[in-house]
Amino acid sequence: MMKYTSALLLFCFCCLGLMSFMVNEKQPITVYLIGDSTMSIKETKAYPETGWGMPFRYFFDSSVTVENHAKNGRSTRTFIEENLWQPVASSMKAGDYLFIQFGHNDEVSTKKSYTTEADYKANLERFISEARKKKVIPVLITPAARRKFDVTGKIEETHALYSGIVRAVAQKQKVALIDLDRKSQALLQKLGPESSKLLFIHLKPEEHPNYPQGKEDDTHFNELGAREMAQIVLAEMKAQKLDLVDRLVKPQVKQ
């Protein structure tokens, strides 16, 4: 009888341990990134140009897969029209995240990607609605600031209208908002007109084989700039206490 009781207790403890393991084990999720060139994965021929979504993927533990679907030159409208959105919408599942960052190409009226204010708002709301229908968590992100200073050395707002739309949609739809525009402006202002060049593509002729004529680009980031933008996104995730932060890589403790 005693042996039977001991065996039963051992069995119960094993079951409890297994249940605890199953509860604590994180279910795999995917973080989908949709947006433009400031977020996208770059081809080798574009190096050192780097989208902030590239370093962002290394923040998470093995329970998270980051799928970066951002594409150069896309707006909310062309992302939908070119059938780039549909594969994401079809793949998403409950518990996943959708990070949405457009604006650079929507707002320029001379570009083929131009999207009216009304359509921009409607497209953002469509992404949110379709995500929520699948129990996916949407996160809106204002477009990263361009490096533009006035003659006094003050950073200039370059996305005022379309960033404002993102903020308004986030408030109306009660969606988490990462204000990358304002946060990156603050960073550029802190660095100033000269040091802020270190975050962008500023190359002299013959400095890099990909750009033998040199290049000055105050919209797209180099590796350092991409890491800085990704760190801003990470800091905002923590500040807003998104559940996703529970899946960050844990720092290694030195023995």
Protein backbone atom coordinates (compact mmCIF):
# COMPACT_ATOMS: atom_id res chain seq x y z
CA MET A 1 0.00 0.00 0.00
CA MET A 2 2.82 2.35 0.94
CA LYS A 3 4.62 1.63 -2.33
CA TYR A 4 1.40 2.27 -4.24
CA THR A 5 0.89 5.62 -2.46
CA SER A 6 4.49 6.68 -3.14
CA ALA A 7 4.19 5.75 -6.78
CA LEU A 8 0.92 7.69 -7.04
CA LEU A 9 2.48 10.76 -5.43
CA LEU A 10 5.47 10.55 -7.75
CA PHE A 11 3.14 10.31 -10.74
CA CYS A 12 1.19 13.38 -9.56
CA PHE A 13 4.37 15.40 -9.07
CA CYS A 14 5.53 14.45 -12.56
CA CYS A 15 2.19 15.52 -14.02
CA LEU A 16 2.34 18.83 -12.17
CA GLY A 17 5.87 19.41 -13.40
CA LEU A 18 4.84 18.65 -16.97
CA MET A 19 1.84 20.97 -16.72
CA SER A 20 4.05 23.72 -15.32
CA PHE A 21 6.49 23.28 -18.18
CA MET A 22 3.67 23.44 -20.73
CA VAL A 23 2.25 26.61 -19.16
CA ASN A 24 5.63 28.35 -18.95
CA GLU A 25 6.75 27.35 -22.43
CA LYS A 26 6.30 30.26 -24.83
CA GLN A 27 4.22 29.58 -27.88
CA PRO A 28 6.09 30.57 -31.04
CA ILE A 29 4.89 33.83 -32.60
CA THR A 30 5.79 35.91 -35.62
CA VAL A 31 6.39 39.65 -35.72
CA TYR A 32 5.53 40.97 -39.18
CA LEU A 33 7.10 44.21 -40.36
CA ILE A 34 5.43 46.10 -43.20
CA GLY A 35 6.71 49.42 -44.44
CA ASP A 36 9.18 51.16 -46.72
CA SER A 37 12.93 51.37 -47.37
CA THR A 38 13.80 52.79 -43.96
CA MET A 39 12.69 49.45 -42.49
CA SER A 40 13.42 46.96 -45.27
CA ILE A 41 16.09 44.31 -45.85
CA LYS A 42 18.75 45.59 -48.25
CA GLU A 43 20.56 43.87 -51.08
CA THR A 44 24.34 43.55 -50.81
CA LYS A 45 24.80 46.07 -53.63
CA ALA A 46 23.11 48.75 -51.49
CA TYR A 47 25.46 48.34 -48.49
CA PRO A 48 26.09 50.23 -46.21
CA GLU A 49 22.41 51.19 -46.54
CA THR A 50 20.53 49.31 -43.80
CA GLY A 51 16.87 49.20 -42.84
CA TRP A 52 16.17 49.28 -39.11
CA GLY A 53 14.19 46.05 -39.41
CA MET A 54 17.45 44.20 -40.07
CA PRO A 55 19.03 44.63 -36.60
CA PHE A 56 15.58 44.59 -34.95
CA ARG A 57 15.23 40.84 -35.52
CA TYR A 58 18.16 40.08 -33.19
CA PHE A 59 16.42 41.51 -30.12
CA PHE A 60 14.22 38.44 -29.59
CA ASP A 61 14.58 34.94 -28.20
CA SER A 62 13.95 31.76 -30.17
CA SER A 63 10.18 31.93 -29.60
CA VAL A 64 9.95 34.89 -32.01
CA THR A 65 10.37 34.92 -35.77
CA VAL A 66 10.65 38.36 -37.37
CA GLU A 67 9.40 38.49 -40.96
CA ASN A 68 10.43 41.73 -42.63
CA HIS A 69 8.09 42.39 -45.57
CA ALA A 70 8.96 46.07 -45.94
CA LYS A 71 9.93 47.10 -49.47
CA ASN A 72 11.84 50.04 -50.90
CA GLY A 73 9.69 52.78 -52.38
CA ARG A 74 6.35 51.44 -51.18
CA SER A 75 3.47 53.39 -49.75
CA THR A 76 0.39 51.98 -48.04
CA ARG A 77 -1.39 52.12 -51.40
CA THR A 78 1.28 50.42 -53.52
CA PHE A 79 1.92 47.83 -50.80
CA ILE A 80 -1.70 46.77 -51.20
CA GLU A 81 -1.94 47.20 -54.97
CA GLU A 82 1.21 45.18 -55.64
CA ASN A 83 -0.18 42.28 -53.59
CA LEU A 84 2.49 42.62 -50.91
CA TRP A 85 -0.08 42.87 -48.13
CA GLN A 86 -2.18 39.82 -48.96
CA PRO A 87 0.50 37.18 -48.20
CA VAL A 88 1.07 38.80 -44.81
CA ALA A 89 -2.66 39.00 -44.08
CA SER A 90 -3.05 35.33 -45.01
CA SER A 91 -0.10 34.14 -42.92
CA MET A 92 -0.82 35.98 -39.66
CA LYS A 93 -2.21 33.99 -36.76
CA ALA A 94 -3.53 34.72 -33.29
CA GLY A 95 -0.85 36.09 -30.97
CA ASP A 96 1.34 37.48 -33.73
CA TYR A 97 2.32 41.15 -34.02
CA LEU A 98 2.08 43.50 -37.00
CA PHE A 99 4.39 46.53 -37.02
CA ILE A 100 3.21 49.14 -39.55
CA GLN A 101 5.48 51.99 -40.68
CA PHE A 102 4.68 53.92 -43.85
CA GLY A 103 4.72 57.58 -44.79
CA HIS A 104 7.91 58.47 -46.65
CA ASN A 105 6.45 57.51 -50.01
CA ASP A 106 2.78 58.18 -49.26
CA GLU A 107 3.32 61.87 -48.57
CA VAL A 108 5.28 62.96 -51.67
CA SER A 109 2.78 64.15 -54.30
CA THR A 110 5.33 63.91 -57.13
CA LYS A 111 5.92 60.18 -56.57
CA LYS A 112 3.94 57.40 -58.23
CA SER A 113 3.47 55.97 -54.74
CA TYR A 114 1.64 59.08 -53.54
CA THR A 115 -1.37 58.34 -51.35
CA THR A 116 -3.96 60.94 -50.43
CA GLU A 117 -4.46 61.73 -46.77
CA ALA A 118 -7.86 60.04 -46.78
CA ASP A 119 -6.54 56.90 -48.45
CA TYR A 120 -3.50 56.80 -46.16
CA LYS A 121 -5.80 56.84 -43.14
CA ALA A 122 -8.10 54.21 -44.70
CA ASN A 123 -5.17 51.93 -45.54
CA LEU A 124 -3.76 52.11 -42.01
CA GLU A 125 -7.20 51.28 -40.65
CA ARG A 126 -7.46 48.37 -43.06
CA PHE A 127 -4.17 46.88 -41.81
CA ILE A 128 -5.38 47.25 -38.23
CA SER A 129 -8.83 45.80 -38.91
CA GLU A 130 -7.56 42.76 -40.79
CA ALA A 131 -4.95 42.11 -38.11
CA ARG A 132 -7.49 42.28 -35.32
CA LYS A 133 -9.87 39.93 -37.12
CA LYS A 134 -7.13 37.30 -36.80
CA LYS A 135 -6.36 38.28 -33.19
CA VAL A 136 -3.03 39.76 -34.28
CA ILE A 137 -1.69 42.75 -32.31
CA PRO A 138 -1.11 45.81 -34.55
CA VAL A 139 1.49 48.46 -33.69
CA LEU A 140 1.59 51.76 -35.58
CA ILE A 141 4.91 53.53 -36.14
CA THR A 142 5.35 57.07 -37.44
CA PRO A 143 7.94 57.42 -40.24
CA ALA A 144 11.54 57.93 -39.16
CA ALA A 145 12.72 61.53 -39.42
CA ARG A 146 14.76 62.75 -42.34
CA ARG A 147 17.99 64.53 -41.53
CA LYS A 148 17.09 68.15 -42.27
CA PHE A 149 18.31 71.13 -40.25
CA ASP A 150 17.55 74.81 -40.69
CA VAL A 151 20.27 77.50 -40.82
CA THR A 152 20.26 77.80 -37.04
CA GLY A 153 20.94 74.07 -36.57
CA LYS A 154 17.39 73.18 -35.52
CA ILE A 155 15.95 69.91 -36.83
CA GLU A 156 13.01 70.44 -39.20
CA GLU A 157 9.79 68.46 -39.22
CA THR A 158 9.48 66.58 -42.52
CA HIS A 159 6.51 64.29 -41.84
CA ALA A 160 4.18 66.61 -39.92
CA LEU A 161 0.98 65.84 -41.83
CA TYR A 162 1.31 62.09 -42.32
CA SER A 163 2.81 61.42 -38.88
CA GLY A 164 -0.17 63.33 -37.50
CA ILE A 165 -2.50 60.96 -39.33
CA VAL A 166 -0.73 57.94 -37.81
CA ARG A 167 -1.11 59.41 -34.32
CA ALA A 168 -4.79 60.18 -34.90
CA VAL A 169 -5.49 56.67 -36.20
CA ALA A 170 -3.65 55.12 -33.24
CA GLN A 171 -5.72 57.17 -30.80
CA LYS A 172 -9.02 56.47 -32.53
CA GLN A 173 -8.37 52.75 -32.96
CA LYS A 174 -6.70 52.38 -29.53
CA VAL A 175 -3.57 50.90 -31.09
CA ALA A 176 -0.07 50.98 -29.61
CA LEU A 177 1.89 53.85 -31.15
CA ILE A 178 5.66 54.11 -31.48
CA ASP A 179 6.40 57.72 -32.40
CA LEU A 180 9.63 57.10 -34.27
CA ASP A 181 9.33 60.47 -36.01
CA ARG A 182 9.50 62.53 -32.81
CA LYS A 183 12.01 60.24 -31.09
CA SER A 184 14.38 60.19 -34.06
CA GLN A 185 14.07 63.97 -34.41
CA ALA A 186 15.16 64.29 -30.80
CA LEU A 187 18.15 62.02 -31.45
CA LEU A 188 19.20 63.97 -34.55
CA GLN A 189 18.84 67.26 -32.67
CA LYS A 190 21.02 65.92 -29.87
CA LEU A 191 23.71 64.88 -32.34
CA GLY A 192 23.50 68.09 -34.34
CA PRO A 193 23.97 68.82 -38.06
CA GLU A 194 27.45 67.28 -38.36
CA SER A 195 27.45 64.26 -36.05
CA SER A 196 24.01 63.17 -37.28
CA LYS A 197 25.58 62.44 -40.68
CA LEU A 198 27.13 59.38 -39.02
CA LEU A 199 23.69 57.70 -39.04
CA PHE A 200 23.02 58.17 -42.75
CA ILE A 201 24.64 57.42 -46.10
CA HIS A 202 27.29 60.11 -46.39
CA LEU A 203 30.14 58.78 -48.50
CA LYS A 204 32.92 60.56 -50.32
CA PRO A 205 33.91 59.49 -53.87
CA GLU A 206 35.82 56.18 -53.84
CA GLU A 207 35.06 55.68 -50.13
CA HIS A 208 32.93 52.61 -50.86
CA PRO A 209 32.93 50.35 -53.95
CA ASN A 210 29.13 50.36 -54.09
CA TYR A 211 29.14 54.14 -54.48
CA PRO A 212 32.27 55.11 -56.46
CA GLN A 213 30.87 58.60 -57.06
CA GLY A 214 30.07 59.01 -53.37
CA LYS A 215 26.61 59.63 -51.99
CA GLU A 216 24.75 61.95 -49.63
CA ASP A 217 21.43 60.53 -48.48
CA ASP A 218 19.61 62.02 -45.50
CA THR A 219 16.69 59.56 -45.57
CA HIS A 220 18.30 56.11 -45.52
CA PHE A 221 20.40 54.75 -42.69
CA ASN A 222 23.76 53.05 -42.51
CA GLU A 223 24.33 50.23 -40.01
CA LEU A 224 24.77 52.58 -37.08
CA GLY A 225 21.67 54.58 -37.96
CA ALA A 226 19.58 51.45 -38.39
CA ARG A 227 20.68 50.18 -34.98
CA GLU A 228 19.81 53.52 -33.40
CA MET A 229 16.31 53.46 -34.93
CA ALA A 230 15.78 49.86 -33.84
CA GLN A 231 16.86 50.82 -30.31
CA ILE A 232 14.26 53.60 -30.29
CA VAL A 233 11.57 51.12 -31.29
CA LEU A 234 12.77 48.73 -28.59
CA ALA A 235 12.77 51.45 -25.92
CA GLU A 236 9.22 52.44 -26.86
CA MET A 237 8.09 48.82 -26.71
CA LYS A 238 9.42 48.66 -23.17
CA ALA A 239 7.92 52.02 -22.19
CA GLN A 240 4.50 50.91 -23.38
CA LYS A 241 4.92 47.52 -21.73
CA LEU A 242 4.01 45.49 -24.78
CA ASP A 243 3.84 41.79 -23.93
CA LEU A 244 6.40 41.27 -26.69
CA VAL A 245 9.16 42.51 -24.39
CA ASP A 246 8.83 39.27 -22.41
CA ARG A 247 10.40 37.56 -25.42
CA LEU A 248 13.54 39.66 -25.63
CA VAL A 249 16.89 37.92 -25.47
CA LYS A 250 17.95 37.74 -21.86
CA PRO A 251 21.34 39.32 -21.09
CA GLN A 252 24.09 36.87 -20.28
CA VAL A 253 25.19 37.04 -16.65
CA LYS A 254 28.93 36.64 -16.20
CA GLN A 255 29.92 34.09 -13.61
